[in-house]
Amino acid sequence: MSPENTTLVYFSPTSTTHTILKEIARGIGKEICAVIDITKPEIRNQNAPEFNNDLVLIGAPVYGGRLPKDAADYFKTIKASGSLAVLIALYGNREFEDALL
């Protein structure tokens, strides 16, 4: 499978998650076609797009072993068909616990 587009979907209050996702895309040689920054409530209130034959990098920071509720709720609405998803959970000096569940 060769994804047609690469999209970043992230929650990034400090821009660290955004930076890391951009660098991951660059590191695997993918040009970013779209960016969905769900940090802003007005974006989270919109319907998530449906992905078809895409590479979607999905990321959020981990706080207390969990993803932020707003981010997790939005991620649950993402629909994809024939797409690849890479989940990225960023955390500092603490265990990420079950954030990727």
PDB file of N, CA and C in Angstrom:
ATOM      1  N   MET A   1       0.841  -1.184   0.000  1.00  0.00           N
ATOM      2  CA  MET A   1       0.000   0.000   0.000  1.00  0.00           C
ATOM      3  C   MET A   1       0.879   1.238   0.000  1.00  0.00           C
ATOM      4  N   SER A   2       0.538   2.157  -0.861  1.00  0.00           N
ATOM      5  CA  SER A   2       1.251   3.420  -0.928  1.00  0.00           C
ATOM      6  C   SER A   2       0.246   4.551  -0.721  1.00  0.00           C
ATOM      7  N   PRO A   3       0.223   5.128   0.477  1.00  0.00           N
ATOM      8  CA  PRO A   3      -0.744   6.186   0.763  1.00  0.00           C
ATOM      9  C   PRO A   3      -0.597   7.366  -0.186  1.00  0.00           C
ATOM     10  N   GLU A   4      -1.731   7.925  -0.590  1.00  0.00           N
ATOM     11  CA  GLU A   4      -1.726   9.057  -1.510  1.00  0.00           C
ATOM     12  C   GLU A   4      -1.356  10.364  -0.813  1.00  0.00           C
ATOM     13  N   ASN A   5      -1.854  10.552   0.400  1.00  0.00           N
ATOM     14  CA  ASN A   5      -1.643  11.808   1.132  1.00  0.00           C
ATOM     15  C   ASN A   5      -1.168  11.523   2.545  1.00  0.00           C
ATOM     16  N   THR A   6      -0.502  12.508   3.123  1.00  0.00           N
ATOM     17  CA  THR A   6      -0.088  12.423   4.523  1.00  0.00           C
ATOM     18  C   THR A   6      -0.748  13.568   5.274  1.00  0.00           C
ATOM     19  N   THR A   7      -1.456  13.225   6.341  1.00  0.00           N
ATOM     20  CA  THR A   7      -2.170  14.215   7.144  1.00  0.00           C
ATOM     21  C   THR A   7      -1.720  14.114   8.591  1.00  0.00           C
ATOM     22  N   LEU A   8      -1.551  15.254   9.231  1.00  0.00           N
ATOM     23  CA  LEU A   8      -1.257  15.318  10.662  1.00  0.00           C
ATOM     24  C   LEU A   8      -2.536  15.706  11.385  1.00  0.00           C
ATOM     25  N   VAL A   9      -2.892  14.944  12.415  1.00  0.00           N
ATOM     26  CA  VAL A   9      -4.023  15.270  13.279  1.00  0.00           C
ATOM     27  C   VAL A   9      -3.467  15.273  14.698  1.00  0.00           C
ATOM     28  N   TYR A  10      -3.548  16.412  15.374  1.00  0.00           N
ATOM     29  CA  TYR A  10      -2.897  16.485  16.685  1.00  0.00           C
ATOM     30  C   TYR A  10      -3.559  17.471  17.625  1.00  0.00           C
ATOM     31  N   PHE A  11      -3.313  17.220  18.903  1.00  0.00           N
ATOM     32  CA  PHE A  11      -3.655  18.119  20.004  1.00  0.00           C
ATOM     33  C   PHE A  11      -2.311  18.540  20.581  1.00  0.00           C
ATOM     34  N   SER A  12      -2.011  19.845  20.548  1.00  0.00           N
ATOM     35  CA  SER A  12      -0.662  20.281  20.913  1.00  0.00           C
ATOM     36  C   SER A  12      -0.656  21.658  21.576  1.00  0.00           C
ATOM     37  N   PRO A  13      -1.008  21.724  22.863  1.00  0.00           N
ATOM     38  CA  PRO A  13      -1.047  23.017  23.548  1.00  0.00           C
ATOM     39  C   PRO A  13       0.286  23.759  23.562  1.00  0.00           C
ATOM     40  N   THR A  14       1.404  23.044  23.586  1.00  0.00           N
ATOM     41  CA  THR A  14       2.716  23.700  23.630  1.00  0.00           C
ATOM     42  C   THR A  14       3.467  23.622  22.298  1.00  0.00           C
ATOM     43  N   SER A  15       2.818  23.091  21.267  1.00  0.00           N
ATOM     44  CA  SER A  15       3.381  22.905  19.920  1.00  0.00           C
ATOM     45  C   SER A  15       4.413  21.788  19.823  1.00  0.00           C
ATOM     46  N   THR A  16       4.717  21.108  20.918  1.00  0.00           N
ATOM     47  CA  THR A  16       5.698  20.026  20.874  1.00  0.00           C
ATOM     48  C   THR A  16       5.185  18.859  20.039  1.00  0.00           C
ATOM     49  N   THR A  17       3.944  18.464  20.243  1.00  0.00           N
ATOM     50  CA  THR A  17       3.380  17.351  19.469  1.00  0.00           C
ATOM     51  C   THR A  17       3.376  17.693  17.989  1.00  0.00           C
ATOM     52  N   HIS A  18       3.003  18.906  17.651  1.00  0.00           N
ATOM     53  CA  HIS A  18       3.014  19.348  16.251  1.00  0.00           C
ATOM     54  C   HIS A  18       4.422  19.222  15.658  1.00  0.00           C
ATOM     55  N   THR A  19       5.401  19.698  16.373  1.00  0.00           N
ATOM     56  CA  THR A  19       6.786  19.637  15.905  1.00  0.00           C
ATOM     57  C   THR A  19       7.238  18.190  15.693  1.00  0.00           C
ATOM     58  N   ILE A  20       6.939  17.325  16.637  1.00  0.00           N
ATOM     59  CA  ILE A  20       7.352  15.921  16.540  1.00  0.00           C
ATOM     60  C   ILE A  20       6.684  15.244  15.350  1.00  0.00           C
ATOM     61  N   LEU A  21       5.391  15.469  15.137  1.00  0.00           N
ATOM     62  CA  LEU A  21       4.710  14.866  13.992  1.00  0.00           C
ATOM     63  C   LEU A  21       5.295  15.342  12.673  1.00  0.00           C
ATOM     64  N   LYS A  22       5.591  16.639  12.568  1.00  0.00           N
ATOM     65  CA  LYS A  22       6.232  17.154  11.346  1.00  0.00           C
ATOM     66  C   LYS A  22       7.569  16.464  11.102  1.00  0.00           C
ATOM     67  N   GLU A  23       8.345  16.281  12.156  1.00  0.00           N
ATOM     68  CA  GLU A  23       9.658  15.647  12.014  1.00  0.00           C
ATOM     69  C   GLU A  23       9.546  14.158  11.673  1.00  0.00           C
ATOM     70  N   ILE A  24       8.541  13.498  12.191  1.00  0.00           N
ATOM     71  CA  ILE A  24       8.317  12.088  11.828  1.00  0.00           C
ATOM     72  C   ILE A  24       7.993  11.997  10.334  1.00  0.00           C
ATOM     73  N   ALA A  25       7.097  12.856   9.859  1.00  0.00           N
ATOM     74  CA  ALA A  25       6.755  12.859   8.429  1.00  0.00           C
ATOM     75  C   ALA A  25       7.998  13.127   7.582  1.00  0.00           C
ATOM     76  N   ARG A  26       8.790  14.099   8.000  1.00  0.00           N
ATOM     77  CA  ARG A  26      10.010  14.421   7.263  1.00  0.00           C
ATOM     78  C   ARG A  26      10.976  13.245   7.294  1.00  0.00           C
ATOM     79  N   GLY A  27      11.094  12.611   8.454  1.00  0.00           N
ATOM     80  CA  GLY A  27      12.022  11.497   8.613  1.00  0.00           C
ATOM     81  C   GLY A  27      11.678  10.286   7.769  1.00  0.00           C
ATOM     82  N   ILE A  28      10.400  10.090   7.478  1.00  0.00           N
ATOM     83  CA  ILE A  28      10.020   8.969   6.626  1.00  0.00           C
ATOM     84  C   ILE A  28       9.819   9.398   5.173  1.00  0.00           C
ATOM     85  N   GLY A  29      10.181  10.641   4.893  1.00  0.00           N
ATOM     86  CA  GLY A  29      10.167  11.128   3.516  1.00  0.00           C
ATOM     87  C   GLY A  29       8.790  11.426   2.956  1.00  0.00           C
ATOM     88  N   LYS A  30       7.871  11.845   3.801  1.00  0.00           N
ATOM     89  CA  LYS A  30       6.510  12.139   3.355  1.00  0.00           C
ATOM     90  C   LYS A  30       6.236  13.636   3.383  1.00  0.00           C
ATOM     91  N   GLU A  31       5.650  14.124   2.303  1.00  0.00           N
ATOM     92  CA  GLU A  31       5.227  15.520   2.257  1.00  0.00           C
ATOM     93  C   GLU A  31       3.854  15.622   2.925  1.00  0.00           C
ATOM     94  N   ILE A  32       3.704  16.595   3.789  1.00  0.00           N
ATOM     95  CA  ILE A  32       2.450  16.790   4.520  1.00  0.00           C
ATOM     96  C   ILE A  32       1.454  17.501   3.603  1.00  0.00           C
ATOM     97  N   CYS A  33       0.295  16.864   3.419  1.00  0.00           N
ATOM     98  CA  CYS A  33      -0.743  17.434   2.558  1.00  0.00           C
ATOM     99  C   CYS A  33      -1.778  18.230   3.337  1.00  0.00           C
ATOM    100  N   ALA A  34      -2.012  17.836   4.590  1.00  0.00           N
ATOM    101  CA  ALA A  34      -3.028  18.516   5.396  1.00  0.00           C
ATOM    102  C   ALA A  34      -2.646  18.447   6.865  1.00  0.00           C
ATOM    103  N   VAL A  35      -3.076  19.463   7.603  1.00  0.00           N
ATOM    104  CA  VAL A  35      -2.834  19.547   9.038  1.00  0.00           C
ATOM    105  C   VAL A  35      -4.156  19.859   9.719  1.00  0.00           C
ATOM    106  N   ILE A  36      -4.504  19.057  10.732  1.00  0.00           N
ATOM    107  CA  ILE A  36      -5.713  19.299  11.514  1.00  0.00           C
ATOM    108  C   ILE A  36      -5.281  19.466  12.965  1.00  0.00           C
ATOM    109  N   ASP A  37      -5.279  20.713  13.418  1.00  0.00           N
ATOM    110  CA  ASP A  37      -4.872  21.051  14.783  1.00  0.00           C
ATOM    111  C   ASP A  37      -6.119  21.115  15.650  1.00  0.00           C
ATOM    112  N   ILE A  38      -6.356  20.051  16.423  1.00  0.00           N
ATOM    113  CA  ILE A  38      -7.575  19.998  17.230  1.00  0.00           C
ATOM    114  C   ILE A  38      -7.395  20.639  18.605  1.00  0.00           C
ATOM    115  N   THR A  39      -6.300  21.366  18.785  1.00  0.00           N
ATOM    116  CA  THR A  39      -6.079  22.068  20.044  1.00  0.00           C
ATOM    117  C   THR A  39      -7.168  23.121  20.248  1.00  0.00           C
ATOM    118  N   LYS A  40      -7.603  23.720  19.162  1.00  0.00           N
ATOM    119  CA  LYS A  40      -8.617  24.771  19.227  1.00  0.00           C
ATOM    120  C   LYS A  40     -10.018  24.148  19.277  1.00  0.00           C
ATOM    121  N   PRO A  41     -10.838  24.571  20.244  1.00  0.00           N
ATOM    122  CA  PRO A  41     -12.184  23.989  20.382  1.00  0.00           C
ATOM    123  C   PRO A  41     -13.028  24.093  19.109  1.00  0.00           C
ATOM    124  N   GLU A  42     -12.881  25.192  18.365  1.00  0.00           N
ATOM    125  CA  GLU A  42     -13.713  25.349  17.164  1.00  0.00           C
ATOM    126  C   GLU A  42     -13.411  24.282  16.108  1.00  0.00           C
ATOM    127  N   ILE A  43     -12.210  23.756  16.103  1.00  0.00           N
ATOM    128  CA  ILE A  43     -11.863  22.670  15.173  1.00  0.00           C
ATOM    129  C   ILE A  43     -12.461  21.355  15.680  1.00  0.00           C
ATOM    130  N   ARG A  44     -12.361  21.107  16.978  1.00  0.00           N
ATOM    131  CA  ARG A  44     -12.916  19.871  17.553  1.00  0.00           C
ATOM    132  C   ARG A  44     -14.429  19.798  17.402  1.00  0.00           C
ATOM    133  N   ASN A  45     -15.093  20.946  17.287  1.00  0.00           N
ATOM    134  CA  ASN A  45     -16.546  20.968  17.144  1.00  0.00           C
ATOM    135  C   ASN A  45     -16.995  20.626  15.718  1.00  0.00           C
ATOM    136  N   GLN A  46     -16.057  20.598  14.781  1.00  0.00           N
ATOM    137  CA  GLN A  46     -16.369  20.208  13.407  1.00  0.00           C
ATOM    138  C   GLN A  46     -16.259  18.690  13.286  1.00  0.00           C
ATOM    139  N   ASN A  47     -16.923  18.138  12.298  1.00  0.00           N
ATOM    140  CA  ASN A  47     -16.817  16.709  12.048  1.00  0.00           C
ATOM    141  C   ASN A  47     -15.417  16.368  11.541  1.00  0.00           C
ATOM    142  N   ALA A  48     -14.899  15.260  12.002  1.00  0.00           N
ATOM    143  CA  ALA A  48     -13.600  14.804  11.524  1.00  0.00           C
ATOM    144  C   ALA A  48     -13.744  14.357  10.070  1.00  0.00           C
ATOM    145  N   PRO A  49     -12.740  14.647   9.248  1.00  0.00           N
ATOM    146  CA  PRO A  49     -12.817  14.190   7.858  1.00  0.00           C
ATOM    147  C   PRO A  49     -12.649  12.674   7.784  1.00  0.00           C
ATOM    148  N   GLU A  50     -13.082  12.097   6.687  1.00  0.00           N
ATOM    149  CA  GLU A  50     -12.869  10.669   6.450  1.00  0.00           C
ATOM    150  C   GLU A  50     -11.621  10.522   5.595  1.00  0.00           C
ATOM    151  N   PHE A  51     -10.772   9.590   5.977  1.00  0.00           N
ATOM    152  CA  PHE A  51      -9.520   9.375   5.256  1.00  0.00           C
ATOM    153  C   PHE A  51      -9.633   8.126   4.396  1.00  0.00           C
ATOM    154  N   ASN A  52      -9.140   8.219   3.173  1.00  0.00           N
ATOM    155  CA  ASN A  52      -9.141   7.106   2.236  1.00  0.00           C
ATOM    156  C   ASN A  52      -7.762   6.981   1.614  1.00  0.00           C
ATOM    157  N   ASN A  53      -7.135   5.842   1.819  1.00  0.00           N
ATOM    158  CA  ASN A  53      -5.813   5.566   1.261  1.00  0.00           C
ATOM    159  C   ASN A  53      -4.805   6.652   1.629  1.00  0.00           C
ATOM    160  N   ASP A  54      -4.806   7.042   2.881  1.00  0.00           N
ATOM    161  CA  ASP A  54      -3.906   8.083   3.382  1.00  0.00           C
ATOM    162  C   ASP A  54      -2.996   7.528   4.474  1.00  0.00           C
ATOM    163  N   LEU A  55      -1.950   8.271   4.761  1.00  0.00           N
ATOM    164  CA  LEU A  55      -1.140   8.056   5.953  1.00  0.00           C
ATOM    165  C   LEU A  55      -1.543   9.163   6.920  1.00  0.00           C
ATOM    166  N   VAL A  56      -2.029   8.784   8.095  1.00  0.00           N
ATOM    167  CA  VAL A  56      -2.488   9.764   9.074  1.00  0.00           C
ATOM    168  C   VAL A  56      -1.644   9.619  10.332  1.00  0.00           C
ATOM    169  N   LEU A  57      -0.916  10.669  10.672  1.00  0.00           N
ATOM    170  CA  LEU A  57      -0.135  10.706  11.907  1.00  0.00           C
ATOM    171  C   LEU A  57      -1.011  11.399  12.950  1.00  0.00           C
ATOM    172  N   ILE A  58      -1.337  10.669  14.010  1.00  0.00           N
ATOM    173  CA  ILE A  58      -2.242  11.168  15.046  1.00  0.00           C
ATOM    174  C   ILE A  58      -1.459  11.296  16.347  1.00  0.00           C
ATOM    175  N   GLY A  59      -1.446  12.482  16.938  1.00  0.00           N
ATOM    176  CA  GLY A  59      -0.633  12.668  18.131  1.00  0.00           C
ATOM    177  C   GLY A  59      -1.260  13.565  19.180  1.00  0.00           C
ATOM    178  N   ALA A  60      -0.827  13.297  20.421  1.00  0.00           N
ATOM    179  CA  ALA A  60      -1.270  14.105  21.561  1.00  0.00           C
ATOM    180  C   ALA A  60      -0.305  13.884  22.718  1.00  0.00           C
ATOM    181  N   PRO A  61      -0.223  14.847  23.625  1.00  0.00           N
ATOM    182  CA  PRO A  61       0.589  14.652  24.828  1.00  0.00           C
ATOM    183  C   PRO A  61      -0.150  13.761  25.833  1.00  0.00           C
ATOM    184  N   VAL A  62       0.601  13.215  26.752  1.00  0.00           N
ATOM    185  CA  VAL A  62       0.033  12.383  27.809  1.00  0.00           C
ATOM    186  C   VAL A  62       0.129  13.154  29.121  1.00  0.00           C
ATOM    187  N   TYR A  63      -0.992  13.268  29.806  1.00  0.00           N
ATOM    188  CA  TYR A  63      -1.041  13.920  31.112  1.00  0.00           C
ATOM    189  C   TYR A  63      -1.592  12.917  32.115  1.00  0.00           C
ATOM    190  N   GLY A  64      -0.821  12.598  33.126  1.00  0.00           N
ATOM    191  CA  GLY A  64      -1.279  11.659  34.137  1.00  0.00           C
ATOM    192  C   GLY A  64      -1.590  10.287  33.576  1.00  0.00           C
ATOM    193  N   GLY A  65      -0.843   9.875  32.560  1.00  0.00           N
ATOM    194  CA  GLY A  65      -1.039   8.559  31.976  1.00  0.00           C
ATOM    195  C   GLY A  65      -2.190   8.474  30.988  1.00  0.00           C
ATOM    196  N   ARG A  66      -2.800   9.586  30.654  1.00  0.00           N
ATOM    197  CA  ARG A  66      -3.948   9.603  29.751  1.00  0.00           C
ATOM    198  C   ARG A  66      -3.795  10.714  28.718  1.00  0.00           C
ATOM    199  N   LEU A  67      -4.485  10.513  27.600  1.00  0.00           N
ATOM    200  CA  LEU A  67      -4.587  11.595  26.626  1.00  0.00           C
ATOM    201  C   LEU A  67      -5.594  12.612  27.150  1.00  0.00           C
ATOM    202  N   PRO A  68      -5.472  13.867  26.758  1.00  0.00           N
ATOM    203  CA  PRO A  68      -6.503  14.833  27.131  1.00  0.00           C
ATOM    204  C   PRO A  68      -7.863  14.359  26.608  1.00  0.00           C
ATOM    205  N   LYS A  69      -8.899  14.494  27.434  1.00  0.00           N
ATOM    206  CA  LYS A  69     -10.220  13.989  27.081  1.00  0.00           C
ATOM    207  C   LYS A  69     -10.722  14.564  25.758  1.00  0.00           C
ATOM    208  N   ASP A  70     -10.519  15.859  25.546  1.00  0.00           N
ATOM    209  CA  ASP A  70     -10.979  16.481  24.298  1.00  0.00           C
ATOM    210  C   ASP A  70     -10.326  15.826  23.086  1.00  0.00           C
ATOM    211  N   ALA A  71      -9.039  15.528  23.189  1.00  0.00           N
ATOM    212  CA  ALA A  71      -8.333  14.882  22.083  1.00  0.00           C
ATOM    213  C   ALA A  71      -8.832  13.459  21.876  1.00  0.00           C
ATOM    214  N   ALA A  72      -8.935  12.701  22.953  1.00  0.00           N
ATOM    215  CA  ALA A  72      -9.392  11.309  22.854  1.00  0.00           C
ATOM    216  C   ALA A  72     -10.793  11.233  22.254  1.00  0.00           C
ATOM    217  N   ASP A  73     -11.666  12.118  22.664  1.00  0.00           N
ATOM    218  CA  ASP A  73     -13.032  12.129  22.131  1.00  0.00           C
ATOM    219  C   ASP A  73     -13.025  12.405  20.626  1.00  0.00           C
ATOM    220  N   TYR A  74     -12.216  13.337  20.184  1.00  0.00           N
ATOM    221  CA  TYR A  74     -12.139  13.649  18.749  1.00  0.00           C
ATOM    222  C   TYR A  74     -11.548  12.470  17.978  1.00  0.00           C
ATOM    223  N   PHE A  75     -10.478  11.888  18.500  1.00  0.00           N
ATOM    224  CA  PHE A  75      -9.841  10.773  17.809  1.00  0.00           C
ATOM    225  C   PHE A  75     -10.818   9.627  17.581  1.00  0.00           C
ATOM    226  N   LYS A  76     -11.739   9.426  18.498  1.00  0.00           N
ATOM    227  CA  LYS A  76     -12.730   8.347  18.367  1.00  0.00           C
ATOM    228  C   LYS A  76     -13.666   8.570  17.184  1.00  0.00           C
ATOM    229  N   THR A  77     -13.773   9.797  16.697  1.00  0.00           N
ATOM    230  CA  THR A  77     -14.688  10.101  15.590  1.00  0.00           C
ATOM    231  C   THR A  77     -14.026   9.964  14.227  1.00  0.00           C
ATOM    232  N   ILE A  78     -12.732   9.764  14.191  1.00  0.00           N
ATOM    233  CA  ILE A  78     -12.016   9.663  12.913  1.00  0.00           C
ATOM    234  C   ILE A  78     -12.400   8.357  12.224  1.00  0.00           C
ATOM    235  N   LYS A  79     -12.711   8.461  10.931  1.00  0.00           N
ATOM    236  CA  LYS A  79     -13.047   7.294  10.123  1.00  0.00           C
ATOM    237  C   LYS A  79     -12.038   7.201   8.982  1.00  0.00           C
ATOM    238  N   ALA A  80     -11.684   5.963   8.650  1.00  0.00           N
ATOM    239  CA  ALA A  80     -10.705   5.768   7.582  1.00  0.00           C
ATOM    240  C   ALA A  80     -10.994   4.471   6.848  1.00  0.00           C
ATOM    241  N   SER A  81     -10.668   4.471   5.580  1.00  0.00           N
ATOM    242  CA  SER A  81     -10.836   3.283   4.752  1.00  0.00           C
ATOM    243  C   SER A  81      -9.548   3.087   3.957  1.00  0.00           C
ATOM    244  N   GLY A  82      -8.879   1.981   4.198  1.00  0.00           N
ATOM    245  CA  GLY A  82      -7.650   1.700   3.474  1.00  0.00           C
ATOM    246  C   GLY A  82      -6.515   2.643   3.817  1.00  0.00           C
ATOM    247  N   SER A  83      -6.561   3.243   4.980  1.00  0.00           N
ATOM    248  CA  SER A  83      -5.535   4.195   5.400  1.00  0.00           C
ATOM    249  C   SER A  83      -4.637   3.586   6.467  1.00  0.00           C
ATOM    250  N   LEU A  84      -3.457   4.143   6.583  1.00  0.00           N
ATOM    251  CA  LEU A  84      -2.524   3.764   7.633  1.00  0.00           C
ATOM    252  C   LEU A  84      -2.532   4.848   8.697  1.00  0.00           C
ATOM    253  N   ALA A  85      -2.551   4.442   9.957  1.00  0.00           N
ATOM    254  CA  ALA A  85      -2.505   5.400  11.055  1.00  0.00           C
ATOM    255  C   ALA A  85      -1.289   5.112  11.919  1.00  0.00           C
ATOM    256  N   VAL A  86      -0.607   6.173  12.301  1.00  0.00           N
ATOM    257  CA  VAL A  86       0.508   6.077  13.235  1.00  0.00           C
ATOM    258  C   VAL A  86       0.111   6.892  14.451  1.00  0.00           C
ATOM    259  N   LEU A  87       0.043   6.233  15.610  1.00  0.00           N
ATOM    260  CA  LEU A  87      -0.357   6.904  16.841  1.00  0.00           C
ATOM    261  C   LEU A  87       0.880   7.310  17.622  1.00  0.00           C
ATOM    262  N   ILE A  88       0.942   8.570  17.999  1.00  0.00           N
ATOM    263  CA  ILE A  88       2.098   9.101  18.717  1.00  0.00           C
ATOM    264  C   ILE A  88       1.614   9.726  20.019  1.00  0.00           C
ATOM    265  N   ALA A  89       2.121   9.192  21.138  1.00  0.00           N
ATOM    266  CA  ALA A  89       1.802   9.726  22.459  1.00  0.00           C
ATOM    267  C   ALA A  89       3.087  10.294  23.041  1.00  0.00           C
ATOM    268  N   LEU A  90       3.101  11.592  23.314  1.00  0.00           N
ATOM    269  CA  LEU A  90       4.285  12.249  23.853  1.00  0.00           C
ATOM    270  C   LEU A  90       4.152  12.421  25.353  1.00  0.00           C
ATOM    271  N   TYR A  91       5.201  12.099  26.051  1.00  0.00           N
ATOM    272  CA  TYR A  91       5.169  12.245  27.504  1.00  0.00           C
ATOM    273  C   TYR A  91       6.551  12.639  27.991  1.00  0.00           C
ATOM    274  N   GLY A  92       6.588  13.217  29.160  1.00  0.00           N
ATOM    275  CA  GLY A  92       7.844  13.672  29.737  1.00  0.00           C
ATOM    276  C   GLY A  92       8.416  12.646  30.685  1.00  0.00           C
ATOM    277  N   ASN A  93       8.722  13.046  31.867  1.00  0.00           N
ATOM    278  CA  ASN A  93       9.371  12.168  32.841  1.00  0.00           C
ATOM    279  C   ASN A  93       8.359  11.364  33.651  1.00  0.00           C
ATOM    280  N   ARG A  94       7.443  10.765  32.975  1.00  0.00           N
ATOM    281  CA  ARG A  94       6.401   9.985  33.630  1.00  0.00           C
ATOM    282  C   ARG A  94       6.014   8.851  32.693  1.00  0.00           C
ATOM    283  N   GLU A  95       5.425   7.836  33.240  1.00  0.00           N
ATOM    284  CA  GLU A  95       4.997   6.679  32.454  1.00  0.00           C
ATOM    285  C   GLU A  95       3.823   7.072  31.546  1.00  0.00           C
ATOM    286  N   PHE A  96       3.811   6.551  30.327  1.00  0.00           N
ATOM    287  CA  PHE A  96       2.702   6.837  29.417  1.00  0.00           C
ATOM    288  C   PHE A  96       1.481   5.955  29.713  1.00  0.00           C
ATOM    289  N   GLU A  97       1.672   4.937  30.558  1.00  0.00           N
ATOM    290  CA  GLU A  97       0.624   4.042  31.021  1.00  0.00           C
ATOM    291  C   GLU A  97      -0.182   3.485  29.844  1.00  0.00           C
ATOM    292  N   ASP A  98      -1.504   3.636  29.850  1.00  0.00           N
ATOM    293  CA  ASP A  98      -2.308   3.053  28.772  1.00  0.00           C
ATOM    294  C   ASP A  98      -2.869   4.123  27.837  1.00  0.00           C
ATOM    295  N   ALA A  99      -2.128   5.196  27.628  1.00  0.00           N
ATOM    296  CA  ALA A  99      -2.609   6.310  26.816  1.00  0.00           C
ATOM    297  C   ALA A  99      -2.920   5.885  25.390  1.00  0.00           C
ATOM    298  N   LEU A 100      -2.218   4.902  24.858  1.00  0.00           N
ATOM    299  CA  LEU A 100      -2.457   4.494  23.471  1.00  0.00           C
ATOM    300  C   LEU A 100      -3.663   3.574  23.311  1.00  0.00           C
ATOM    301  N   LEU A 101      -4.238   3.142  24.420  1.00  0.00           N
ATOM    302  CA  LEU A 101      -5.448   2.329  24.304  1.00  0.00           C
ATOM    303  C   LEU A 101      -6.575   3.166  23.736  1.00  0.00           C
TER     304      LEU A 101
END
